[in-house]
Amino acid sequence: MSEEELKFPGEELEEEKAKTAEAEAEAAEAEEAAEAEAEDDDIDEDEVVSESEDKTAELEKRYMALFAEYENFRKRSAKEKDDLYASAVATVTKDWLSVLDNIDRALEAGKNADENSVEKVLQGIELIGKQAGDVLTKLGVSEIECERGTKFDPNLHEAVMHVDDEELGEQEIAAVFQKGYIYKDRVVRHAVVQVAN
């Protein structure tokens, strides 16, 4: 028998204790290494979370600044629109005030008119009509060309009557009941007409 085979029972226990202690030491070292690695991972995760929160906060700040800028722009645009509308109304009203003043003068003259001055009152009213036409022209509003024999255009004319007339062709205007007006390409009021054939 060799020396290894001749071991006392206490020696085997000692060897096993030594092996167990060695294995426990290795396991403890591995556990410590794993904990250290986990702490490093936690630190990395904390850093990533912190960077992510910083980026989110920065994006939120930028969003709030952009939102505030948009709100200011919207309010400023609405105020400018209101101011522009008020200015346009004031300008148009100012142009029409002189026409209204002349209508008042014509009415006053008509009340005091005798048979000899009726013609002068009519001439005054014609001048007021011309003045009103000038105001419309100044504003860019023009009368829709419409007279007897003009071809009917549903975009510009509104037909309220139909008549048979041998002198006129098909779908031609026979009579104009109310003048129409147009501003640039927009119809302000259609001409009210009678259409033939």
Protein backbone atom coordinates (compact mmCIF):
# COMPACT_ATOMS: atom_id res chain seq x y z
CA MET A 1 0.00 0.00 0.00
CA SER A 2 1.11 3.46 -0.79
CA GLU A 3 1.05 6.39 1.56
CA GLU A 4 -2.05 7.86 -0.09
CA GLU A 5 -3.96 4.69 0.58
CA LEU A 6 -2.81 4.70 4.19
CA LYS A 7 -4.59 7.70 5.56
CA PHE A 8 -6.01 8.06 8.92
CA PRO A 9 -9.68 8.98 9.18
CA GLY A 10 -8.86 12.41 10.61
CA GLU A 11 -6.55 13.23 7.71
CA GLU A 12 -9.31 12.73 5.14
CA LEU A 13 -11.51 15.09 7.06
CA GLU A 14 -8.77 17.67 7.09
CA GLU A 15 -8.26 17.39 3.35
CA GLU A 16 -11.98 17.71 2.70
CA LYS A 17 -12.18 20.72 4.99
CA ALA A 18 -9.29 22.28 3.14
CA LYS A 19 -10.94 21.63 -0.23
CA THR A 20 -14.28 22.96 1.06
CA ALA A 21 -12.58 26.06 2.46
CA GLU A 22 -10.79 26.57 -0.82
CA ALA A 23 -14.04 26.17 -2.78
CA GLU A 24 -15.81 28.58 -0.43
CA ALA A 25 -13.01 31.09 -0.85
CA GLU A 26 -13.27 30.81 -4.64
CA ALA A 27 -17.06 31.19 -4.44
CA ALA A 28 -16.69 34.24 -2.19
CA GLU A 29 -14.20 35.79 -4.63
CA ALA A 30 -16.56 35.11 -7.54
CA GLU A 31 -19.46 36.63 -5.59
CA GLU A 32 -17.40 39.72 -4.74
CA ALA A 33 -16.40 40.06 -8.40
CA ALA A 34 -20.06 39.74 -9.46
CA GLU A 35 -21.14 42.36 -6.89
CA ALA A 36 -18.40 44.72 -8.05
CA GLU A 37 -19.49 44.22 -11.65
CA ALA A 38 -23.14 44.77 -10.65
CA GLU A 39 -22.17 48.00 -8.87
CA ASP A 40 -20.36 49.13 -12.02
CA ASP A 41 -23.50 48.29 -14.02
CA ASP A 42 -25.64 50.22 -11.50
CA ILE A 43 -23.31 53.20 -11.82
CA ASP A 44 -23.51 52.96 -15.63
CA GLU A 45 -27.31 52.64 -15.49
CA ASP A 46 -27.51 55.63 -13.12
CA GLU A 47 -25.34 57.63 -15.49
CA VAL A 48 -27.52 56.62 -18.49
CA VAL A 49 -30.71 57.45 -16.57
CA SER A 50 -29.21 60.77 -15.47
CA GLU A 51 -28.16 61.63 -19.05
CA SER A 52 -31.60 60.61 -20.31
CA GLU A 53 -33.30 62.80 -17.71
CA ASP A 54 -31.03 65.73 -18.65
CA LYS A 55 -31.90 65.31 -22.34
CA THR A 56 -35.61 65.04 -21.52
CA ALA A 57 -35.44 68.19 -19.39
CA GLU A 58 -33.62 70.04 -22.18
CA LEU A 59 -36.16 68.92 -24.78
CA GLU A 60 -38.99 69.93 -22.45
CA LYS A 61 -37.43 73.40 -22.03
CA ARG A 62 -37.10 73.78 -25.80
CA TYR A 63 -40.68 72.62 -26.31
CA MET A 64 -42.02 75.08 -23.73
CA ALA A 65 -40.02 77.92 -25.29
CA LEU A 66 -41.32 77.02 -28.76
CA PHE A 67 -44.88 76.73 -27.43
CA ALA A 68 -44.64 80.15 -25.76
CA GLU A 69 -43.24 81.65 -28.96
CA TYR A 70 -46.09 80.15 -30.98
CA GLU A 71 -48.70 81.49 -28.51
CA ASN A 72 -47.18 84.97 -28.75
CA PHE A 73 -47.17 84.74 -32.56
CA ARG A 74 -50.82 83.62 -32.59
CA LYS A 75 -51.90 86.46 -30.30
CA ARG A 76 -49.87 89.01 -32.24
CA SER A 77 -51.34 87.78 -35.56
CA ALA A 78 -54.89 87.96 -34.21
CA LYS A 79 -54.28 91.51 -32.95
CA GLU A 80 -52.75 92.56 -36.29
CA LYS A 81 -55.74 91.03 -38.12
CA ASP A 82 -58.18 92.93 -35.90
CA ASP A 83 -56.21 96.16 -36.36
CA LEU A 84 -56.08 95.66 -40.13
CA TYR A 85 -59.83 95.05 -40.30
CA ALA A 86 -60.58 98.12 -38.14
CA SER A 87 -58.27 100.23 -40.30
CA ALA A 88 -59.95 99.04 -43.50
CA VAL A 89 -63.43 99.77 -42.12
CA ALA A 90 -62.31 103.25 -41.03
CA THR A 91 -60.81 103.98 -44.46
CA VAL A 92 -63.93 102.85 -46.35
CA THR A 93 -66.21 104.74 -43.96
CA LYS A 94 -64.18 107.91 -44.42
CA ASP A 95 -64.52 107.62 -48.21
CA TRP A 96 -68.31 107.22 -47.94
CA LEU A 97 -68.89 110.05 -45.46
CA SER A 98 -68.62 112.74 -48.13
CA VAL A 99 -71.22 110.88 -50.22
CA LEU A 100 -73.57 110.74 -47.22
CA ASP A 101 -73.02 114.47 -46.56
CA ASN A 102 -74.00 115.26 -50.14
CA ILE A 103 -77.11 113.07 -49.88
CA ASP A 104 -78.14 115.05 -46.79
CA ARG A 105 -77.58 118.32 -48.69
CA ALA A 106 -79.65 117.04 -51.63
CA LEU A 107 -82.51 116.06 -49.33
CA GLU A 108 -82.46 119.48 -47.68
CA ALA A 109 -82.44 121.18 -51.08
CA GLY A 110 -85.29 118.92 -52.25
CA LYS A 111 -87.45 119.98 -49.29
CA ASN A 112 -87.03 123.65 -50.17
CA ALA A 113 -87.25 123.13 -53.94
CA ASP A 114 -89.83 124.80 -56.10
CA GLU A 115 -90.76 123.87 -59.66
CA ASN A 116 -87.83 125.82 -61.09
CA SER A 117 -85.16 124.22 -58.87
CA VAL A 118 -86.22 120.55 -59.28
CA GLU A 119 -83.86 120.21 -62.24
CA LYS A 120 -80.94 121.45 -60.12
CA VAL A 121 -81.78 118.92 -57.38
CA LEU A 122 -81.78 116.13 -59.99
CA GLN A 123 -78.38 117.32 -61.29
CA GLY A 124 -77.09 117.25 -57.69
CA ILE A 125 -78.31 113.68 -57.22
CA GLU A 126 -76.59 112.67 -60.47
CA LEU A 127 -73.36 114.20 -59.14
CA ILE A 128 -73.76 112.24 -55.90
CA GLY A 129 -74.18 109.04 -57.95
CA LYS A 130 -70.99 109.85 -59.84
CA GLN A 131 -69.20 110.55 -56.55
CA ALA A 132 -70.36 107.16 -55.17
CA GLY A 133 -69.05 105.46 -58.33
CA ASP A 134 -65.70 107.22 -57.84
CA VAL A 135 -65.50 105.93 -54.25
CA LEU A 136 -66.16 102.38 -55.45
CA THR A 137 -63.50 102.74 -58.15
CA LYS A 138 -61.02 104.04 -55.56
CA LEU A 139 -61.72 100.95 -53.45
CA GLY A 140 -61.14 98.65 -56.44
CA VAL A 141 -64.80 97.74 -56.91
CA SER A 142 -66.09 97.92 -60.47
CA GLU A 143 -69.49 97.55 -62.06
CA ILE A 144 -70.16 94.29 -63.90
CA GLU A 145 -70.56 95.03 -67.61
CA CYS A 146 -74.16 94.19 -68.28
CA GLU A 147 -76.53 95.65 -70.85
CA ARG A 148 -79.18 94.45 -73.28
CA GLY A 149 -77.74 91.90 -75.70
CA THR A 150 -74.85 90.83 -73.42
CA LYS A 151 -74.35 87.05 -73.17
CA PHE A 152 -75.71 85.65 -69.87
CA ASP A 153 -72.97 84.42 -67.48
CA PRO A 154 -74.23 82.61 -64.36
CA ASN A 155 -70.97 83.53 -62.57
CA LEU A 156 -71.77 87.25 -62.91
CA HIS A 157 -75.53 87.44 -63.48
CA GLU A 158 -78.59 86.25 -61.61
CA ALA A 159 -81.57 85.51 -63.87
CA VAL A 160 -84.91 86.26 -62.24
CA MET A 161 -87.10 86.30 -65.36
CA HIS A 162 -87.22 84.69 -68.78
CA VAL A 163 -88.73 86.27 -71.85
CA ASP A 164 -89.07 85.39 -75.54
CA ASP A 165 -87.57 88.15 -77.66
CA GLU A 166 -86.97 87.77 -81.40
CA GLU A 167 -84.45 90.63 -81.46
CA LEU A 168 -82.10 88.81 -79.06
CA GLY A 169 -80.22 85.53 -79.36
CA GLU A 170 -80.43 82.57 -77.00
CA GLN A 171 -79.25 83.23 -73.42
CA GLU A 172 -78.78 86.97 -73.96
CA ILE A 173 -79.74 89.60 -71.41
CA ALA A 174 -83.01 91.37 -72.21
CA ALA A 175 -83.13 93.78 -69.23
CA VAL A 176 -81.07 94.71 -66.15
CA PHE A 177 -83.03 95.13 -62.92
CA GLN A 178 -80.09 95.73 -60.57
CA LYS A 179 -76.43 96.47 -61.28
CA GLY A 180 -73.80 93.99 -60.17
CA TYR A 181 -70.36 94.74 -58.73
CA ILE A 182 -67.09 92.86 -58.61
CA TYR A 183 -63.94 93.32 -56.52
CA LYS A 184 -60.89 91.89 -58.27
CA ASP A 185 -62.08 88.32 -59.10
CA ARG A 186 -64.73 88.20 -56.37
CA VAL A 187 -68.37 89.00 -57.13
CA VAL A 188 -69.71 91.41 -54.50
CA ARG A 189 -73.23 91.35 -55.91
CA HIS A 190 -74.53 89.56 -59.01
CA ALA A 191 -76.32 91.64 -61.62
CA VAL A 192 -80.06 90.85 -61.50
CA VAL A 193 -81.26 90.37 -65.08
CA GLN A 194 -83.98 89.15 -67.41
CA VAL A 195 -82.80 86.51 -69.91
CA ALA A 196 -84.17 86.05 -73.40
CA ASN A 197 -85.07 82.86 -75.30
